[in-house]
Amino acid sequence: MSTLAGAIVGVSSALIAERIRWRRDNEKETAQTRRGVYSEFLMALSQSHSDMRSVILQGDASSTEVRYGLLHQALDGSGVWRLRQSLSLTAPAEIIQLAVSTCDALTAMRDVLIEIPDVRNDAYLRSRAELWRTNANLRETMRRDLGMDGPPDPEVGLYRFPAPP
């Protein structure tokens, strides 16, 4: 009888340990997946902003129609929309909401550049400030979600000002 009880305790302990190990491995894999999607999404946001600035600075967009097409391609070609869908499968609701706000700020900036093709114009500078503010909030929330400790991203503090009027 004591042998049977010992066997039950031993098997139960092994099963509990295996379950704990499985849960830890699963959480680690989920965090890795999120980290990859978060990184790709942030890089796509940056790429689209950079590509839109390049369209304006190169001066290839002399007509509104050409500028419209090039700026849309700069945004669409970055993969930001595809990656936003990936976020919807991997990220918590708070991050999805912040990602949507950041994409909205990016498209608003694109629309400003379609109408006023000047990266020194006040309307562009206000839209860029809004993009940076929403992007900073998104990055900071992503870092918290991934359990990153230490000081926050030093750039985040640079964009911590109220939303433009």
N, C-alpha and C. Protein backbone atom coordinates (compact mmCIF):
# COMPACT_ATOMS: atom_id res chain seq x y z
N MET A 1 0.81 -1.19 0.00
CA MET A 1 0.00 0.00 0.00
C MET A 1 0.87 1.27 0.00
N SER A 2 1.90 1.30 0.81
CA SER A 2 2.78 2.47 0.85
C SER A 2 3.53 2.61 -0.47
N THR A 3 3.80 1.52 -1.15
CA THR A 3 4.45 1.58 -2.46
C THR A 3 3.53 2.26 -3.47
N LEU A 4 2.27 1.90 -3.41
CA LEU A 4 1.27 2.51 -4.30
C LEU A 4 1.14 4.01 -4.02
N ALA A 5 1.08 4.37 -2.76
CA ALA A 5 0.98 5.78 -2.38
C ALA A 5 2.22 6.54 -2.84
N GLY A 6 3.37 5.94 -2.69
CA GLY A 6 4.62 6.57 -3.16
C GLY A 6 4.63 6.77 -4.66
N ALA A 7 4.12 5.75 -5.38
CA ALA A 7 4.06 5.86 -6.84
C ALA A 7 3.11 6.97 -7.27
N ILE A 8 1.97 7.08 -6.61
CA ILE A 8 1.00 8.13 -6.93
C ILE A 8 1.59 9.51 -6.67
N VAL A 9 2.27 9.67 -5.55
CA VAL A 9 2.91 10.95 -5.22
C VAL A 9 3.99 11.27 -6.26
N GLY A 10 4.79 10.29 -6.62
CA GLY A 10 5.86 10.49 -7.60
C GLY A 10 5.33 10.88 -8.97
N VAL A 11 4.32 10.16 -9.44
CA VAL A 11 3.72 10.47 -10.75
C VAL A 11 3.04 11.83 -10.71
N SER A 12 2.34 12.13 -9.64
CA SER A 12 1.68 13.43 -9.52
C SER A 12 2.69 14.55 -9.53
N SER A 13 3.78 14.39 -8.82
CA SER A 13 4.83 15.41 -8.79
C SER A 13 5.42 15.63 -10.18
N ALA A 14 5.65 14.55 -10.89
CA ALA A 14 6.20 14.65 -12.24
C ALA A 14 5.23 15.36 -13.17
N LEU A 15 3.94 15.04 -13.06
CA LEU A 15 2.94 15.69 -13.90
C LEU A 15 2.82 17.18 -13.59
N ILE A 16 2.87 17.52 -12.33
CA ILE A 16 2.80 18.93 -11.94
C ILE A 16 4.02 19.69 -12.45
N ALA A 17 5.19 19.10 -12.30
CA ALA A 17 6.42 19.74 -12.79
C ALA A 17 6.37 19.91 -14.30
N GLU A 18 5.87 18.91 -15.00
CA GLU A 18 5.77 18.99 -16.47
C GLU A 18 4.78 20.08 -16.88
N ARG A 19 3.69 20.19 -16.19
CA ARG A 19 2.69 21.22 -16.48
C ARG A 19 3.28 22.62 -16.26
N ILE A 20 4.02 22.79 -15.18
CA ILE A 20 4.67 24.08 -14.91
C ILE A 20 5.67 24.41 -16.01
N ARG A 21 6.47 23.44 -16.41
CA ARG A 21 7.46 23.64 -17.46
C ARG A 21 6.76 23.99 -18.79
N TRP A 22 5.67 23.29 -19.11
CA TRP A 22 4.93 23.55 -20.34
C TRP A 22 4.37 24.97 -20.34
N ARG A 23 3.81 25.39 -19.22
CA ARG A 23 3.23 26.74 -19.12
C ARG A 23 4.32 27.80 -19.28
N ARG A 24 5.47 27.59 -18.64
CA ARG A 24 6.58 28.53 -18.74
C ARG A 24 7.08 28.62 -20.19
N ASP A 25 7.23 27.48 -20.86
CA ASP A 25 7.67 27.46 -22.25
C ASP A 25 6.65 28.13 -23.16
N ASN A 26 5.38 27.90 -22.90
CA ASN A 26 4.32 28.51 -23.69
C ASN A 26 4.32 30.04 -23.54
N GLU A 27 4.49 30.52 -22.31
CA GLU A 27 4.55 31.97 -22.06
C GLU A 27 5.77 32.58 -22.73
N LYS A 28 6.89 31.87 -22.71
CA LYS A 28 8.11 32.35 -23.34
C LYS A 28 7.93 32.44 -24.86
N GLU A 29 7.30 31.44 -25.45
CA GLU A 29 7.05 31.43 -26.89
C GLU A 29 6.09 32.56 -27.28
N THR A 30 5.06 32.77 -26.48
CA THR A 30 4.11 33.84 -26.76
C THR A 30 4.80 35.20 -26.71
N ALA A 31 5.65 35.41 -25.72
CA ALA A 31 6.39 36.68 -25.60
C ALA A 31 7.31 36.87 -26.80
N GLN A 32 7.95 35.80 -27.26
CA GLN A 32 8.83 35.90 -28.42
C GLN A 32 8.03 36.28 -29.67
N THR A 33 6.87 35.68 -29.83
CA THR A 33 6.02 35.99 -30.98
C THR A 33 5.60 37.45 -30.93
N ARG A 34 5.15 37.91 -29.77
CA ARG A 34 4.75 39.32 -29.62
C ARG A 34 5.92 40.24 -29.91
N ARG A 35 7.09 39.92 -29.37
CA ARG A 35 8.26 40.77 -29.58
C ARG A 35 8.54 40.91 -31.08
N GLY A 36 8.44 39.82 -31.82
CA GLY A 36 8.68 39.88 -33.26
C GLY A 36 7.65 40.71 -33.99
N VAL A 37 6.37 40.51 -33.67
CA VAL A 37 5.31 41.28 -34.32
C VAL A 37 5.43 42.75 -33.95
N TYR A 38 5.69 43.04 -32.68
CA TYR A 38 5.84 44.43 -32.24
C TYR A 38 6.98 45.10 -33.00
N SER A 39 8.13 44.43 -33.08
CA SER A 39 9.29 45.01 -33.76
C SER A 39 9.00 45.27 -35.23
N GLU A 40 8.40 44.31 -35.90
CA GLU A 40 8.09 44.48 -37.32
C GLU A 40 7.10 45.63 -37.53
N PHE A 41 6.10 45.71 -36.67
CA PHE A 41 5.11 46.77 -36.80
C PHE A 41 5.75 48.14 -36.61
N LEU A 42 6.57 48.29 -35.59
CA LEU A 42 7.23 49.57 -35.34
C LEU A 42 8.17 49.95 -36.48
N MET A 43 8.87 48.96 -37.03
CA MET A 43 9.75 49.24 -38.16
C MET A 43 8.94 49.65 -39.39
N ALA A 44 7.78 49.04 -39.61
CA ALA A 44 6.92 49.41 -40.75
C ALA A 44 6.40 50.83 -40.58
N LEU A 45 6.04 51.21 -39.36
CA LEU A 45 5.61 52.60 -39.12
C LEU A 45 6.72 53.57 -39.46
N SER A 46 7.91 53.27 -39.00
CA SER A 46 9.05 54.13 -39.26
C SER A 46 9.37 54.20 -40.75
N GLN A 47 9.32 53.05 -41.41
CA GLN A 47 9.61 52.99 -42.85
C GLN A 47 8.60 53.81 -43.65
N SER A 48 7.34 53.69 -43.29
CA SER A 48 6.32 54.43 -44.05
C SER A 48 6.49 55.94 -43.87
N HIS A 49 6.81 56.37 -42.64
CA HIS A 49 7.04 57.80 -42.40
C HIS A 49 8.24 58.27 -43.21
N SER A 50 9.30 57.51 -43.17
CA SER A 50 10.51 57.86 -43.90
C SER A 50 10.26 57.91 -45.42
N ASP A 51 9.53 56.93 -45.92
CA ASP A 51 9.24 56.89 -47.36
C ASP A 51 8.36 58.07 -47.78
N MET A 52 7.42 58.45 -46.92
CA MET A 52 6.57 59.60 -47.26
C MET A 52 7.40 60.89 -47.30
N ARG A 53 8.30 61.04 -46.34
CA ARG A 53 9.18 62.22 -46.35
C ARG A 53 10.03 62.24 -47.61
N SER A 54 10.53 61.08 -48.00
CA SER A 54 11.37 60.99 -49.20
C SER A 54 10.61 61.42 -50.45
N VAL A 55 9.34 61.02 -50.55
CA VAL A 55 8.52 61.43 -51.69
C VAL A 55 8.50 62.96 -51.77
N ILE A 56 8.29 63.60 -50.66
CA ILE A 56 8.19 65.06 -50.66
C ILE A 56 9.56 65.71 -50.89
N LEU A 57 10.58 65.21 -50.23
CA LEU A 57 11.90 65.83 -50.33
C LEU A 57 12.54 65.63 -51.71
N GLN A 58 12.21 64.54 -52.39
CA GLN A 58 12.76 64.31 -53.73
C GLN A 58 12.08 65.16 -54.78
N GLY A 59 10.92 65.68 -54.46
CA GLY A 59 10.23 66.58 -55.38
C GLY A 59 9.67 65.91 -56.62
N ASP A 60 9.56 64.58 -56.59
CA ASP A 60 9.02 63.86 -57.75
C ASP A 60 7.51 63.99 -57.87
N ALA A 61 6.88 64.54 -56.87
CA ALA A 61 5.42 64.56 -56.80
C ALA A 61 4.90 65.96 -57.09
N SER A 62 5.07 66.38 -58.33
CA SER A 62 4.69 67.75 -58.66
C SER A 62 3.18 67.96 -58.70
N SER A 63 2.44 66.98 -59.17
CA SER A 63 0.98 67.14 -59.22
C SER A 63 0.34 66.44 -58.03
N THR A 64 -0.84 66.91 -57.67
CA THR A 64 -1.56 66.32 -56.54
C THR A 64 -1.86 64.85 -56.80
N GLU A 65 -2.21 64.50 -58.03
CA GLU A 65 -2.53 63.11 -58.36
C GLU A 65 -1.31 62.20 -58.21
N VAL A 66 -0.18 62.64 -58.70
CA VAL A 66 1.05 61.85 -58.58
C VAL A 66 1.44 61.74 -57.10
N ARG A 67 1.38 62.84 -56.39
CA ARG A 67 1.71 62.86 -54.96
C ARG A 67 0.79 61.93 -54.19
N TYR A 68 -0.50 61.96 -54.51
CA TYR A 68 -1.48 61.08 -53.87
C TYR A 68 -1.06 59.62 -54.04
N GLY A 69 -0.74 59.24 -55.26
CA GLY A 69 -0.34 57.86 -55.53
C GLY A 69 0.95 57.47 -54.84
N LEU A 70 1.95 58.34 -54.91
CA LEU A 70 3.25 58.02 -54.29
C LEU A 70 3.16 57.94 -52.76
N LEU A 71 2.40 58.84 -52.17
CA LEU A 71 2.27 58.83 -50.71
C LEU A 71 1.46 57.62 -50.23
N HIS A 72 0.44 57.26 -50.98
CA HIS A 72 -0.31 56.05 -50.63
C HIS A 72 0.58 54.82 -50.76
N GLN A 73 1.39 54.77 -51.82
CA GLN A 73 2.30 53.64 -52.00
C GLN A 73 3.34 53.58 -50.88
N ALA A 74 3.81 54.73 -50.45
CA ALA A 74 4.80 54.77 -49.37
C ALA A 74 4.21 54.16 -48.09
N LEU A 75 2.97 54.48 -47.82
CA LEU A 75 2.31 53.94 -46.63
C LEU A 75 1.94 52.47 -46.82
N ASP A 76 1.30 52.17 -47.92
CA ASP A 76 0.85 50.79 -48.15
C ASP A 76 2.02 49.83 -48.35
N GLY A 77 3.07 50.30 -48.99
CA GLY A 77 4.21 49.44 -49.29
C GLY A 77 5.04 49.03 -48.09
N SER A 78 4.85 49.70 -46.99
CA SER A 78 5.63 49.40 -45.78
C SER A 78 5.17 48.11 -45.09
N GLY A 79 3.97 47.65 -45.41
CA GLY A 79 3.42 46.46 -44.75
C GLY A 79 2.73 46.77 -43.44
N VAL A 80 2.54 48.04 -43.14
CA VAL A 80 1.95 48.43 -41.86
C VAL A 80 0.55 47.86 -41.68
N TRP A 81 -0.25 47.79 -42.75
CA TRP A 81 -1.62 47.29 -42.62
C TRP A 81 -1.62 45.79 -42.35
N ARG A 82 -0.76 45.05 -43.03
CA ARG A 82 -0.65 43.61 -42.80
C ARG A 82 -0.21 43.33 -41.37
N LEU A 83 0.77 44.09 -40.91
CA LEU A 83 1.28 43.89 -39.55
C LEU A 83 0.27 44.32 -38.49
N ARG A 84 -0.55 45.31 -38.80
CA ARG A 84 -1.60 45.69 -37.85
C ARG A 84 -2.57 44.53 -37.66
N GLN A 85 -2.83 43.79 -38.72
CA GLN A 85 -3.68 42.60 -38.60
C GLN A 85 -2.99 41.54 -37.74
N SER A 86 -1.69 41.38 -37.88
CA SER A 86 -0.95 40.43 -37.03
C SER A 86 -1.06 40.82 -35.56
N LEU A 87 -1.01 42.12 -35.30
CA LEU A 87 -1.17 42.58 -33.91
C LEU A 87 -2.52 42.15 -33.35
N SER A 88 -3.55 42.17 -34.19
CA SER A 88 -4.88 41.83 -33.71
C SER A 88 -4.96 40.38 -33.25
N LEU A 89 -4.02 39.55 -33.68
CA LEU A 89 -4.01 38.15 -33.27
C LEU A 89 -3.08 37.88 -32.10
N THR A 90 -2.17 38.79 -31.82
CA THR A 90 -1.15 38.50 -30.81
C THR A 90 -1.12 39.47 -29.63
N ALA A 91 -1.63 40.67 -29.82
CA ALA A 91 -1.46 41.71 -28.80
C ALA A 91 -2.72 41.88 -27.95
N PRO A 92 -2.54 42.38 -26.73
CA PRO A 92 -3.70 42.71 -25.91
C PRO A 92 -4.45 43.92 -26.49
N ALA A 93 -5.68 44.08 -26.06
CA ALA A 93 -6.57 45.11 -26.59
C ALA A 93 -5.98 46.51 -26.47
N GLU A 94 -5.30 46.82 -25.39
CA GLU A 94 -4.73 48.16 -25.20
C GLU A 94 -3.71 48.48 -26.29
N ILE A 95 -2.90 47.51 -26.66
CA ILE A 95 -1.89 47.73 -27.70
C ILE A 95 -2.55 47.85 -29.06
N ILE A 96 -3.56 47.05 -29.31
CA ILE A 96 -4.27 47.15 -30.59
C ILE A 96 -4.87 48.55 -30.73
N GLN A 97 -5.48 49.04 -29.67
CA GLN A 97 -6.09 50.37 -29.70
C GLN A 97 -5.03 51.45 -29.95
N LEU A 98 -3.88 51.35 -29.30
CA LEU A 98 -2.80 52.32 -29.51
C LEU A 98 -2.23 52.21 -30.92
N ALA A 99 -2.16 50.99 -31.46
CA ALA A 99 -1.67 50.80 -32.83
C ALA A 99 -2.62 51.44 -33.83
N VAL A 100 -3.91 51.31 -33.60
CA VAL A 100 -4.90 51.94 -34.47
C VAL A 100 -4.75 53.46 -34.41
N SER A 101 -4.57 54.02 -33.22
CA SER A 101 -4.38 55.46 -33.08
C SER A 101 -3.12 55.93 -33.80
N THR A 102 -2.06 55.13 -33.71
CA THR A 102 -0.81 55.48 -34.38
C THR A 102 -0.98 55.42 -35.90
N CYS A 103 -1.67 54.41 -36.40
CA CYS A 103 -1.95 54.33 -37.84
C CYS A 103 -2.82 55.48 -38.29
N ASP A 104 -3.78 55.87 -37.46
CA ASP A 104 -4.63 57.02 -37.80
C ASP A 104 -3.78 58.29 -37.90
N ALA A 105 -2.83 58.45 -36.98
CA ALA A 105 -1.94 59.62 -37.01
C ALA A 105 -1.06 59.60 -38.26
N LEU A 106 -0.63 58.42 -38.64
CA LEU A 106 0.21 58.28 -39.83
C LEU A 106 -0.59 58.61 -41.11
N THR A 107 -1.81 58.13 -41.18
CA THR A 107 -2.62 58.43 -42.37
C THR A 107 -3.01 59.92 -42.40
N ALA A 108 -3.21 60.51 -41.23
CA ALA A 108 -3.50 61.95 -41.18
C ALA A 108 -2.29 62.74 -41.69
N MET A 109 -1.10 62.30 -41.32
CA MET A 109 0.10 62.96 -41.80
C MET A 109 0.23 62.80 -43.32
N ARG A 110 -0.07 61.61 -43.83
CA ARG A 110 -0.06 61.39 -45.28
C ARG A 110 -1.01 62.36 -45.97
N ASP A 111 -2.21 62.50 -45.42
CA ASP A 111 -3.21 63.38 -46.02
C ASP A 111 -2.77 64.84 -46.01
N VAL A 112 -2.08 65.25 -44.96
CA VAL A 112 -1.53 66.62 -44.92
C VAL A 112 -0.50 66.79 -46.02
N LEU A 113 0.37 65.80 -46.19
CA LEU A 113 1.41 65.90 -47.23
C LEU A 113 0.83 65.88 -48.64
N ILE A 114 -0.30 65.23 -48.81
CA ILE A 114 -0.96 65.25 -50.13
C ILE A 114 -1.39 66.68 -50.45
N GLU A 115 -1.98 67.34 -49.46
CA GLU A 115 -2.50 68.70 -49.66
C GLU A 115 -1.39 69.76 -49.65
N ILE A 116 -0.43 69.60 -48.73
CA ILE A 116 0.64 70.60 -48.58
C ILE A 116 1.98 69.86 -48.59
N PRO A 117 2.61 69.75 -49.74
CA PRO A 117 3.83 68.95 -49.85
C PRO A 117 5.07 69.67 -49.32
N ASP A 118 5.09 69.92 -48.03
CA ASP A 118 6.21 70.65 -47.43
C ASP A 118 6.43 70.12 -46.01
N VAL A 119 7.60 69.54 -45.77
CA VAL A 119 7.88 68.97 -44.45
C VAL A 119 8.28 70.04 -43.42
N ARG A 120 8.28 71.30 -43.84
CA ARG A 120 8.53 72.40 -42.90
C ARG A 120 7.26 73.16 -42.55
N ASN A 121 6.16 72.77 -43.15
CA ASN A 121 4.88 73.43 -42.94
C ASN A 121 4.34 73.10 -41.54
N ASP A 122 3.65 74.06 -40.93
CA ASP A 122 3.10 73.86 -39.58
C ASP A 122 2.12 72.69 -39.51
N ALA A 123 1.31 72.52 -40.54
CA ALA A 123 0.35 71.41 -40.52
C ALA A 123 1.08 70.07 -40.50
N TYR A 124 2.14 69.96 -41.27
CA TYR A 124 2.94 68.72 -41.24
C TYR A 124 3.59 68.55 -39.88
N LEU A 125 4.18 69.61 -39.35
CA LEU A 125 4.88 69.51 -38.06
C LEU A 125 3.92 69.10 -36.94
N ARG A 126 2.68 69.62 -36.97
CA ARG A 126 1.68 69.21 -35.98
C ARG A 126 1.31 67.74 -36.15
N SER A 127 1.13 67.33 -37.40
CA SER A 127 0.76 65.92 -37.63
C SER A 127 1.91 64.99 -37.26
N ARG A 128 3.14 65.42 -37.51
CA ARG A 128 4.30 64.61 -37.13
C ARG A 128 4.41 64.51 -35.60
N ALA A 129 4.16 65.61 -34.91
CA ALA A 129 4.20 65.59 -33.44
C ALA A 129 3.16 64.61 -32.90
N GLU A 130 1.97 64.60 -33.49
CA GLU A 130 0.93 63.66 -33.06
C GLU A 130 1.36 62.22 -33.33
N LEU A 131 1.96 61.99 -34.48
CA LEU A 131 2.46 60.65 -34.79
C LEU A 131 3.51 60.23 -33.78
N TRP A 132 4.45 61.08 -33.48
CA TRP A 132 5.50 60.74 -32.52
C TRP A 132 4.93 60.49 -31.13
N ARG A 133 3.94 61.30 -30.75
CA ARG A 133 3.33 61.12 -29.43
C ARG A 133 2.61 59.78 -29.35
N THR A 134 1.81 59.44 -30.35
CA THR A 134 1.10 58.17 -30.30
C THR A 134 2.06 57.00 -30.42
N ASN A 135 3.09 57.15 -31.24
CA ASN A 135 4.09 56.09 -31.38
C ASN A 135 4.85 55.87 -30.07
N ALA A 136 5.17 56.94 -29.38
CA ALA A 136 5.87 56.82 -28.09
C ALA A 136 5.00 56.08 -27.07
N ASN A 137 3.72 56.43 -27.02
CA ASN A 137 2.80 55.73 -26.12
C ASN A 137 2.71 54.24 -26.47
N LEU A 138 2.64 53.95 -27.75
CA LEU A 138 2.58 52.56 -28.21
C LEU A 138 3.83 51.80 -27.82
N ARG A 139 5.00 52.37 -28.08
CA ARG A 139 6.26 51.69 -27.75
C ARG A 139 6.38 51.45 -26.25
N GLU A 140 6.01 52.44 -25.47
CA GLU A 140 6.11 52.30 -24.01
C GLU A 140 5.18 51.19 -23.51
N THR A 141 3.99 51.12 -24.06
CA THR A 141 3.03 50.08 -23.67
C THR A 141 3.51 48.71 -24.12
N MET A 142 4.10 48.61 -25.30
CA MET A 142 4.66 47.35 -25.77
C MET A 142 5.79 46.88 -24.86
N ARG A 143 6.64 47.80 -24.45
CA ARG A 143 7.74 47.44 -23.53
C ARG A 143 7.18 46.87 -22.22
N ARG A 144 6.17 47.53 -21.68
CA ARG A 144 5.56 47.03 -20.44
C ARG A 144 4.95 45.65 -20.65
N ASP A 145 4.27 45.46 -21.79
CA ASP A 145 3.65 44.17 -22.08
C ASP A 145 4.68 43.05 -22.16
N LEU A 146 5.86 43.37 -22.66
CA LEU A 146 6.92 42.36 -22.77
C LEU A 146 7.71 42.19 -21.48
N GLY A 147 7.35 42.98 -20.46
CA GLY A 147 8.03 42.85 -19.17
C GLY A 147 9.44 43.40 -19.17
N MET A 148 9.69 44.38 -20.04
CA MET A 148 11.02 44.97 -20.11
C MET A 148 11.20 45.90 -18.93
N ASP A 149 12.27 45.68 -18.22
CA ASP A 149 12.54 46.53 -17.07
C ASP A 149 13.63 47.52 -17.42
N GLY A 150 14.02 48.28 -16.45
CA GLY A 150 15.01 49.31 -16.69
C GLY A 150 14.35 50.61 -17.09
N PRO A 151 15.19 51.58 -17.38
CA PRO A 151 14.63 52.89 -17.73
C PRO A 151 13.87 52.80 -19.05
N PRO A 152 12.88 53.67 -19.22
CA PRO A 152 12.14 53.67 -20.48
C PRO A 152 13.03 54.10 -21.64
N ASP A 153 12.58 53.85 -22.81
CA ASP A 153 13.25 54.28 -24.03
C ASP A 153 13.54 55.77 -23.90
N PRO A 154 14.81 56.19 -24.04
CA PRO A 154 15.14 57.61 -23.83
C PRO A 154 14.42 58.55 -24.80
N GLU A 155 14.07 58.08 -25.99
CA GLU A 155 13.37 58.94 -26.94
C GLU A 155 11.94 59.22 -26.52
N VAL A 156 11.35 58.33 -25.73
CA VAL A 156 9.94 58.50 -25.35
C VAL A 156 9.73 59.83 -24.67
N GLY A 157 10.63 60.23 -23.79
CA GLY A 157 10.49 61.49 -23.06
C GLY A 157 10.50 62.71 -23.96
N LEU A 158 11.14 62.60 -25.12
CA LEU A 158 11.20 63.73 -26.03
C LEU A 158 9.85 64.08 -26.64
N TYR A 159 8.96 63.10 -26.69
CA TYR A 159 7.69 63.31 -27.35
C TYR A 159 6.55 63.42 -26.38
N ARG A 160 6.85 63.57 -25.11
CA ARG A 160 5.80 63.62 -24.08
C ARG A 160 5.32 65.03 -23.90
N PHE A 161 4.59 65.51 -24.87
CA PHE A 161 3.97 66.81 -24.72
C PHE A 161 2.53 66.66 -25.13
N PRO A 162 1.70 67.59 -24.72
CA PRO A 162 0.28 67.46 -25.04
C PRO A 162 0.05 67.40 -26.54
N ALA A 163 -1.04 66.79 -26.90
CA ALA A 163 -1.41 66.71 -28.31
C ALA A 163 -1.59 68.12 -28.85
N PRO A 164 -1.17 68.33 -30.09
CA PRO A 164 -1.34 69.68 -30.66
C PRO A 164 -2.81 70.04 -30.78
N PRO A 165 -3.10 71.35 -30.74
CA PRO A 165 -4.51 71.78 -30.82
C PRO A 165 -5.14 71.44 -32.15
